[in-house]
Each structure stands twice: as structure tokens, then as C-alpha cells.
Amino acid sequence: MSAVTTIQIDKKVLEKLKEAKEYPEQTYNSLLEKMVETFKDVRKRDSYDKYLHHIQKQKMKELWDNKEDEEWEHA
């Protein structure tokens, strides 16, 4: 049994894959593997950034939402 499959993609996508190749002999399989790993890394980084933003939100609220700043704005 073969470990290879056939997928259908639009011709526009095929052209984009051809343009994305790092070198002419690169297989679509290796290109797609690299793209998937890159996507996963970016998604993981994005999740981490969202997490940092979430935990910093409360501290920023404490720093900026205070009486002293409000009084200064109306001086």
C-alpha cells in the first residue's frame, strides 16, 4: 500500500506553489511540509501574543485608570 495520495487544487493555487518553491527541484510535498510547519509556528506565536496581551490588560488598566491621571487631564 502506497503512502502517497492525490489531492485536487485549483490551477491558481498550483501557480502560487510553483512561485513559492525555494529551488526548482523542490517537491510540492517538501514545500507543503515546510509551509505547514511555518503556519503552525506562526499560529503558536500568535496564541502566545494573545495570552500576553490578556494578562497585561489588567495591569495596564491599573496603571492608566486612576484618579491622579483623571485629575491631571482636567487641569
PDB file of N, CA and C in Angstrom:
ATOM      1  N   MET A   1       0.838  -1.178   0.000  1.00  0.00           N
ATOM      2  CA  MET A   1       0.000   0.000   0.000  1.00  0.00           C
ATOM      3  C   MET A   1       0.885   1.245   0.000  1.00  0.00           C
ATOM      4  N   SER A   2       0.587   2.167  -0.863  1.00  0.00           N
ATOM      5  CA  SER A   2       1.370   3.382  -1.016  1.00  0.00           C
ATOM      6  C   SER A   2       1.000   4.410   0.050  1.00  0.00           C
ATOM      7  N   ALA A   3       1.998   5.166   0.493  1.00  0.00           N
ATOM      8  CA  ALA A   3       1.766   6.216   1.485  1.00  0.00           C
ATOM      9  C   ALA A   3       1.568   7.568   0.807  1.00  0.00           C
ATOM     10  N   VAL A   4       1.234   7.537  -0.449  1.00  0.00           N
ATOM     11  CA  VAL A   4       1.054   8.760  -1.232  1.00  0.00           C
ATOM     12  C   VAL A   4      -0.411   8.889  -1.613  1.00  0.00           C
ATOM     13  N   THR A   5      -0.903  10.121  -1.666  1.00  0.00           N
ATOM     14  CA  THR A   5      -2.285  10.370  -2.033  1.00  0.00           C
ATOM     15  C   THR A   5      -2.332  11.437  -3.120  1.00  0.00           C
ATOM     16  N   THR A   6      -3.475  11.590  -3.705  1.00  0.00           N
ATOM     17  CA  THR A   6      -3.685  12.619  -4.725  1.00  0.00           C
ATOM     18  C   THR A   6      -4.671  13.636  -4.175  1.00  0.00           C
ATOM     19  N   ILE A   7      -4.334  14.906  -4.303  1.00  0.00           N
ATOM     20  CA  ILE A   7      -5.257  15.952  -3.880  1.00  0.00           C
ATOM     21  C   ILE A   7      -5.576  16.839  -5.075  1.00  0.00           C
ATOM     22  N   GLN A   8      -6.757  17.429  -5.049  1.00  0.00           N
ATOM     23  CA  GLN A   8      -7.133  18.345  -6.119  1.00  0.00           C
ATOM     24  C   GLN A   8      -6.986  19.768  -5.620  1.00  0.00           C
ATOM     25  N   ILE A   9      -6.319  20.606  -6.437  1.00  0.00           N
ATOM     26  CA  ILE A   9      -6.174  22.019  -6.106  1.00  0.00           C
ATOM     27  C   ILE A   9      -6.455  22.843  -7.359  1.00  0.00           C
ATOM     28  N   ASP A  10      -6.870  24.069  -7.150  1.00  0.00           N
ATOM     29  CA  ASP A  10      -7.104  24.964  -8.284  1.00  0.00           C
ATOM     30  C   ASP A  10      -5.789  25.265  -8.993  1.00  0.00           C
ATOM     31  N   LYS A  11      -5.879  25.544 -10.266  1.00  0.00           N
ATOM     32  CA  LYS A  11      -4.671  25.868 -11.031  1.00  0.00           C
ATOM     33  C   LYS A  11      -4.004  27.142 -10.510  1.00  0.00           C
ATOM     34  N   LYS A  12      -4.798  28.071  -9.986  1.00  0.00           N
ATOM     35  CA  LYS A  12      -4.230  29.286  -9.407  1.00  0.00           C
ATOM     36  C   LYS A  12      -3.352  28.951  -8.204  1.00  0.00           C
ATOM     37  N   VAL A  13      -3.812  27.998  -7.397  1.00  0.00           N
ATOM     38  CA  VAL A  13      -3.036  27.579  -6.232  1.00  0.00           C
ATOM     39  C   VAL A  13      -1.757  26.891  -6.690  1.00  0.00           C
ATOM     40  N   LEU A  14      -1.840  26.079  -7.711  1.00  0.00           N
ATOM     41  CA  LEU A  14      -0.659  25.406  -8.249  1.00  0.00           C
ATOM     42  C   LEU A  14       0.376  26.427  -8.711  1.00  0.00           C
ATOM     43  N   GLU A  15      -0.074  27.489  -9.366  1.00  0.00           N
ATOM     44  CA  GLU A  15       0.851  28.532  -9.816  1.00  0.00           C
ATOM     45  C   GLU A  15       1.522  29.211  -8.622  1.00  0.00           C
ATOM     46  N   LYS A  16       0.754  29.443  -7.564  1.00  0.00           N
ATOM     47  CA  LYS A  16       1.326  30.055  -6.360  1.00  0.00           C
ATOM     48  C   LYS A  16       2.346  29.128  -5.710  1.00  0.00           C
ATOM     49  N   LEU A  17       2.063  27.821  -5.723  1.00  0.00           N
ATOM     50  CA  LEU A  17       3.022  26.862  -5.189  1.00  0.00           C
ATOM     51  C   LEU A  17       4.311  26.859  -6.005  1.00  0.00           C
ATOM     52  N   LYS A  18       4.169  26.942  -7.311  1.00  0.00           N
ATOM     53  CA  LYS A  18       5.354  26.990  -8.177  1.00  0.00           C
ATOM     54  C   LYS A  18       6.199  28.214  -7.846  1.00  0.00           C
ATOM     55  N   GLU A  19       5.548  29.352  -7.633  1.00  0.00           N
ATOM     56  CA  GLU A  19       6.258  30.588  -7.301  1.00  0.00           C
ATOM     57  C   GLU A  19       6.922  30.501  -5.928  1.00  0.00           C
ATOM     58  N   ALA A  20       6.339  29.725  -5.024  1.00  0.00           N
ATOM     59  CA  ALA A  20       6.839  29.641  -3.654  1.00  0.00           C
ATOM     60  C   ALA A  20       8.027  28.696  -3.504  1.00  0.00           C
ATOM     61  N   LYS A  21       8.292  27.891  -4.515  1.00  0.00           N
ATOM     62  CA  LYS A  21       9.407  26.950  -4.420  1.00  0.00           C
ATOM     63  C   LYS A  21      10.709  27.697  -4.158  1.00  0.00           C
ATOM     64  N   GLU A  22      11.536  27.115  -3.276  1.00  0.00           N
ATOM     65  CA  GLU A  22      12.826  27.721  -2.946  1.00  0.00           C
ATOM     66  C   GLU A  22      13.892  27.391  -4.000  1.00  0.00           C
ATOM     67  N   TYR A  23      13.706  26.290  -4.673  1.00  0.00           N
ATOM     68  CA  TYR A  23      14.603  25.878  -5.753  1.00  0.00           C
ATOM     69  C   TYR A  23      13.802  24.999  -6.705  1.00  0.00           C
ATOM     70  N   PRO A  24      14.182  24.959  -7.970  1.00  0.00           N
ATOM     71  CA  PRO A  24      13.363  24.270  -8.984  1.00  0.00           C
ATOM     72  C   PRO A  24      13.082  22.792  -8.699  1.00  0.00           C
ATOM     73  N   GLU A  25      14.022  22.090  -8.091  1.00  0.00           N
ATOM     74  CA  GLU A  25      13.841  20.651  -7.855  1.00  0.00           C
ATOM     75  C   GLU A  25      13.037  20.354  -6.594  1.00  0.00           C
ATOM     76  N   GLN A  26      12.669  21.370  -5.841  1.00  0.00           N
ATOM     77  CA  GLN A  26      11.923  21.140  -4.600  1.00  0.00           C
ATOM     78  C   GLN A  26      10.565  20.512  -4.926  1.00  0.00           C
ATOM     79  N   THR A  27      10.235  19.468  -4.209  1.00  0.00           N
ATOM     80  CA  THR A  27       8.955  18.807  -4.449  1.00  0.00           C
ATOM     81  C   THR A  27       7.840  19.592  -3.767  1.00  0.00           C
ATOM     82  N   TYR A  28       6.628  19.431  -4.283  1.00  0.00           N
ATOM     83  CA  TYR A  28       5.489  20.083  -3.648  1.00  0.00           C
ATOM     84  C   TYR A  28       5.293  19.533  -2.246  1.00  0.00           C
ATOM     85  N   ASN A  29       5.586  18.268  -2.053  1.00  0.00           N
ATOM     86  CA  ASN A  29       5.455  17.652  -0.740  1.00  0.00           C
ATOM     87  C   ASN A  29       6.353  18.358   0.282  1.00  0.00           C
ATOM     88  N   SER A  30       7.629  18.545  -0.059  1.00  0.00           N
ATOM     89  CA  SER A  30       8.533  19.200   0.888  1.00  0.00           C
ATOM     90  C   SER A  30       8.156  20.668   1.074  1.00  0.00           C
ATOM     91  N   LEU A  31       7.699  21.326   0.027  1.00  0.00           N
ATOM     92  CA  LEU A  31       7.251  22.710   0.125  1.00  0.00           C
ATOM     93  C   LEU A  31       6.046  22.817   1.060  1.00  0.00           C
ATOM     94  N   LEU A  32       5.071  21.938   0.878  1.00  0.00           N
ATOM     95  CA  LEU A  32       3.876  21.956   1.719  1.00  0.00           C
ATOM     96  C   LEU A  32       4.200  21.612   3.169  1.00  0.00           C
ATOM     97  N   GLU A  33       5.121  20.671   3.385  1.00  0.00           N
ATOM     98  CA  GLU A  33       5.540  20.346   4.752  1.00  0.00           C
ATOM     99  C   GLU A  33       6.124  21.580   5.437  1.00  0.00           C
ATOM    100  N   LYS A  34       6.985  22.293   4.706  1.00  0.00           N
ATOM    101  CA  LYS A  34       7.607  23.494   5.261  1.00  0.00           C
ATOM    102  C   LYS A  34       6.556  24.578   5.533  1.00  0.00           C
ATOM    103  N   MET A  35       5.599  24.724   4.634  1.00  0.00           N
ATOM    104  CA  MET A  35       4.545  25.715   4.807  1.00  0.00           C
ATOM    105  C   MET A  35       3.682  25.391   6.024  1.00  0.00           C
ATOM    106  N   VAL A  36       3.373  24.120   6.221  1.00  0.00           N
ATOM    107  CA  VAL A  36       2.559  23.703   7.361  1.00  0.00           C
ATOM    108  C   VAL A  36       3.300  23.981   8.670  1.00  0.00           C
ATOM    109  N   GLU A  37       4.577  23.650   8.731  1.00  0.00           N
ATOM    110  CA  GLU A  37       5.357  23.902   9.948  1.00  0.00           C
ATOM    111  C   GLU A  37       5.449  25.398  10.232  1.00  0.00           C
ATOM    112  N   THR A  38       5.643  26.196   9.196  1.00  0.00           N
ATOM    113  CA  THR A  38       5.694  27.646   9.359  1.00  0.00           C
ATOM    114  C   THR A  38       4.362  28.169   9.866  1.00  0.00           C
ATOM    115  N   PHE A  39       3.275  27.685   9.298  1.00  0.00           N
ATOM    116  CA  PHE A  39       1.937  28.095   9.726  1.00  0.00           C
ATOM    117  C   PHE A  39       1.709  27.758  11.194  1.00  0.00           C
ATOM    118  N   LYS A  40       2.105  26.542  11.601  1.00  0.00           N
ATOM    119  CA  LYS A  40       1.930  26.126  12.986  1.00  0.00           C
ATOM    120  C   LYS A  40       2.741  27.005  13.933  1.00  0.00           C
ATOM    121  N   ASP A  41       3.970  27.348  13.545  1.00  0.00           N
ATOM    122  CA  ASP A  41       4.804  28.222  14.366  1.00  0.00           C
ATOM    123  C   ASP A  41       4.182  29.605  14.516  1.00  0.00           C
ATOM    124  N   VAL A  42       3.677  30.145  13.424  1.00  0.00           N
ATOM    125  CA  VAL A  42       3.049  31.469  13.459  1.00  0.00           C
ATOM    126  C   VAL A  42       1.805  31.435  14.335  1.00  0.00           C
ATOM    127  N   ARG A  43       1.014  30.405  14.193  1.00  0.00           N
ATOM    128  CA  ARG A  43      -0.204  30.281  14.997  1.00  0.00           C
ATOM    129  C   ARG A  43       0.141  30.169  16.484  1.00  0.00           C
ATOM    130  N   LYS A  44       1.194  29.412  16.810  1.00  0.00           N
ATOM    131  CA  LYS A  44       1.622  29.263  18.197  1.00  0.00           C
ATOM    132  C   LYS A  44       2.092  30.608  18.752  1.00  0.00           C
ATOM    133  N   ARG A  45       2.877  31.349  17.948  1.00  0.00           N
ATOM    134  CA  ARG A  45       3.352  32.669  18.364  1.00  0.00           C
ATOM    135  C   ARG A  45       2.188  33.631  18.565  1.00  0.00           C
ATOM    136  N   ASP A  46       1.207  33.573  17.662  1.00  0.00           N
ATOM    137  CA  ASP A  46       0.035  34.438  17.765  1.00  0.00           C
ATOM    138  C   ASP A  46      -0.746  34.137  19.038  1.00  0.00           C
ATOM    139  N   SER A  47      -0.873  32.861  19.365  1.00  0.00           N
ATOM    140  CA  SER A  47      -1.563  32.484  20.599  1.00  0.00           C
ATOM    141  C   SER A  47      -0.820  33.024  21.816  1.00  0.00           C
ATOM    142  N   TYR A  48       0.493  32.962  21.772  1.00  0.00           N
ATOM    143  CA  TYR A  48       1.298  33.466  22.877  1.00  0.00           C
ATOM    144  C   TYR A  48       1.130  34.981  23.000  1.00  0.00           C
ATOM    145  N   ASP A  49       1.136  35.689  21.879  1.00  0.00           N
ATOM    146  CA  ASP A  49       0.936  37.138  21.899  1.00  0.00           C
ATOM    147  C   ASP A  49      -0.431  37.499  22.471  1.00  0.00           C
ATOM    148  N   LYS A  50      -1.453  36.751  22.098  1.00  0.00           N
ATOM    149  CA  LYS A  50      -2.791  36.999  22.640  1.00  0.00           C
ATOM    150  C   LYS A  50      -2.817  36.749  24.138  1.00  0.00           C
ATOM    151  N   TYR A  51      -2.131  35.709  24.573  1.00  0.00           N
ATOM    152  CA  TYR A  51      -2.052  35.411  26.001  1.00  0.00           C
ATOM    153  C   TYR A  51      -1.370  36.561  26.747  1.00  0.00           C
ATOM    154  N   LEU A  52      -0.236  37.031  26.226  1.00  0.00           N
ATOM    155  CA  LEU A  52       0.464  38.142  26.876  1.00  0.00           C
ATOM    156  C   LEU A  52      -0.411  39.389  26.937  1.00  0.00           C
ATOM    157  N   HIS A  53      -1.085  39.670  25.852  1.00  0.00           N
ATOM    158  CA  HIS A  53      -1.974  40.829  25.820  1.00  0.00           C
ATOM    159  C   HIS A  53      -3.051  40.698  26.895  1.00  0.00           C
ATOM    160  N   HIS A  54      -3.595  39.509  27.026  1.00  0.00           N
ATOM    161  CA  HIS A  54      -4.659  39.264  28.006  1.00  0.00           C
ATOM    162  C   HIS A  54      -4.166  39.497  29.437  1.00  0.00           C
ATOM    163  N   ILE A  55      -2.992  38.959  29.764  1.00  0.00           N
ATOM    164  CA  ILE A  55      -2.513  39.100  31.140  1.00  0.00           C
ATOM    165  C   ILE A  55      -2.005  40.512  31.418  1.00  0.00           C
ATOM    166  N   GLN A  56      -1.597  41.232  30.386  1.00  0.00           N
ATOM    167  CA  GLN A  56      -1.134  42.606  30.589  1.00  0.00           C
ATOM    168  C   GLN A  56      -2.297  43.596  30.682  1.00  0.00           C
ATOM    169  N   LYS A  57      -3.445  43.206  30.166  1.00  0.00           N
ATOM    170  CA  LYS A  57      -4.590  44.112  30.123  1.00  0.00           C
ATOM    171  C   LYS A  57      -4.970  44.620  31.517  1.00  0.00           C
ATOM    172  N   GLN A  58      -5.029  43.743  32.507  1.00  0.00           N
ATOM    173  CA  GLN A  58      -5.402  44.146  33.854  1.00  0.00           C
ATOM    174  C   GLN A  58      -4.382  45.113  34.438  1.00  0.00           C
ATOM    175  N   LYS A  59      -3.102  44.822  34.257  1.00  0.00           N
ATOM    176  CA  LYS A  59      -2.067  45.705  34.800  1.00  0.00           C
ATOM    177  C   LYS A  59      -2.129  47.074  34.140  1.00  0.00           C
ATOM    178  N   MET A  60      -2.342  47.109  32.836  1.00  0.00           N
ATOM    179  CA  MET A  60      -2.441  48.391  32.137  1.00  0.00           C
ATOM    180  C   MET A  60      -3.656  49.166  32.631  1.00  0.00           C
ATOM    181  N   LYS A  61      -4.728  48.472  32.903  1.00  0.00           N
ATOM    182  CA  LYS A  61      -5.930  49.127  33.440  1.00  0.00           C
ATOM    183  C   LYS A  61      -5.611  49.763  34.791  1.00  0.00           C
ATOM    184  N   GLU A  62      -4.869  49.030  35.633  1.00  0.00           N
ATOM    185  CA  GLU A  62      -4.477  49.573  36.931  1.00  0.00           C
ATOM    186  C   GLU A  62      -3.605  50.814  36.767  1.00  0.00           C
ATOM    187  N   LEU A  63      -2.696  50.781  35.817  1.00  0.00           N
ATOM    188  CA  LEU A  63      -1.769  51.899  35.619  1.00  0.00           C
ATOM    189  C   LEU A  63      -2.451  53.136  35.050  1.00  0.00           C
ATOM    190  N   TRP A  64      -3.382  52.939  34.140  1.00  0.00           N
ATOM    191  CA  TRP A  64      -3.962  54.079  33.436  1.00  0.00           C
ATOM    192  C   TRP A  64      -5.290  54.561  33.998  1.00  0.00           C
ATOM    193  N   ASP A  65      -6.053  53.673  34.616  1.00  0.00           N
ATOM    194  CA  ASP A  65      -7.351  54.072  35.173  1.00  0.00           C
ATOM    195  C   ASP A  65      -7.197  54.404  36.655  1.00  0.00           C
ATOM    196  N   ASN A  66      -6.732  55.618  36.923  1.00  0.00           N
ATOM    197  CA  ASN A  66      -6.588  56.021  38.312  1.00  0.00           C
ATOM    198  C   ASN A  66      -6.969  57.489  38.461  1.00  0.00           C
ATOM    199  N   LYS A  67      -7.261  57.881  39.667  1.00  0.00           N
ATOM    200  CA  LYS A  67      -7.736  59.245  39.954  1.00  0.00           C
ATOM    201  C   LYS A  67      -6.704  60.306  39.572  1.00  0.00           C
ATOM    202  N   GLU A  68      -5.421  60.033  39.833  1.00  0.00           N
ATOM    203  CA  GLU A  68      -4.391  61.025  39.550  1.00  0.00           C
ATOM    204  C   GLU A  68      -4.374  61.409  38.064  1.00  0.00           C
ATOM    205  N   ASP A  69      -4.468  60.390  37.194  1.00  0.00           N
ATOM    206  CA  ASP A  69      -4.466  60.675  35.756  1.00  0.00           C
ATOM    207  C   ASP A  69      -5.722  61.452  35.354  1.00  0.00           C
ATOM    208  N   GLU A  70      -6.855  61.082  35.921  1.00  0.00           N
ATOM    209  CA  GLU A  70      -8.105  61.774  35.576  1.00  0.00           C
ATOM    210  C   GLU A  70      -8.051  63.226  36.019  1.00  0.00           C
ATOM    211  N   GLU A  71      -7.499  63.497  37.194  1.00  0.00           N
ATOM    212  CA  GLU A  71      -7.373  64.872  37.683  1.00  0.00           C
ATOM    213  C   GLU A  71      -6.420  65.668  36.808  1.00  0.00           C
ATOM    214  N   TRP A  72      -5.346  65.051  36.364  1.00  0.00           N
ATOM    215  CA  TRP A  72      -4.361  65.721  35.504  1.00  0.00           C
ATOM    216  C   TRP A  72      -4.974  66.099  34.156  1.00  0.00           C
ATOM    217  N   GLU A  73      -5.831  65.228  33.610  1.00  0.00           N
ATOM    218  CA  GLU A  73      -6.480  65.519  32.330  1.00  0.00           C
ATOM    219  C   GLU A  73      -7.357  66.751  32.402  1.00  0.00           C
ATOM    220  N   HIS A  74      -7.932  67.031  33.570  1.00  0.00           N
ATOM    221  CA  HIS A  74      -8.850  68.152  33.705  1.00  0.00           C
ATOM    222  C   HIS A  74      -8.168  69.402  34.290  1.00  0.00           C
ATOM    223  N   ALA A  75      -6.851  69.381  34.407  1.00  0.00           N
ATOM    224  CA  ALA A  75      -6.124  70.533  34.980  1.00  0.00           C
ATOM    225  C   ALA A  75      -6.031  71.673  33.982  1.00  0.00           C
TER     226      ALA A  75
END
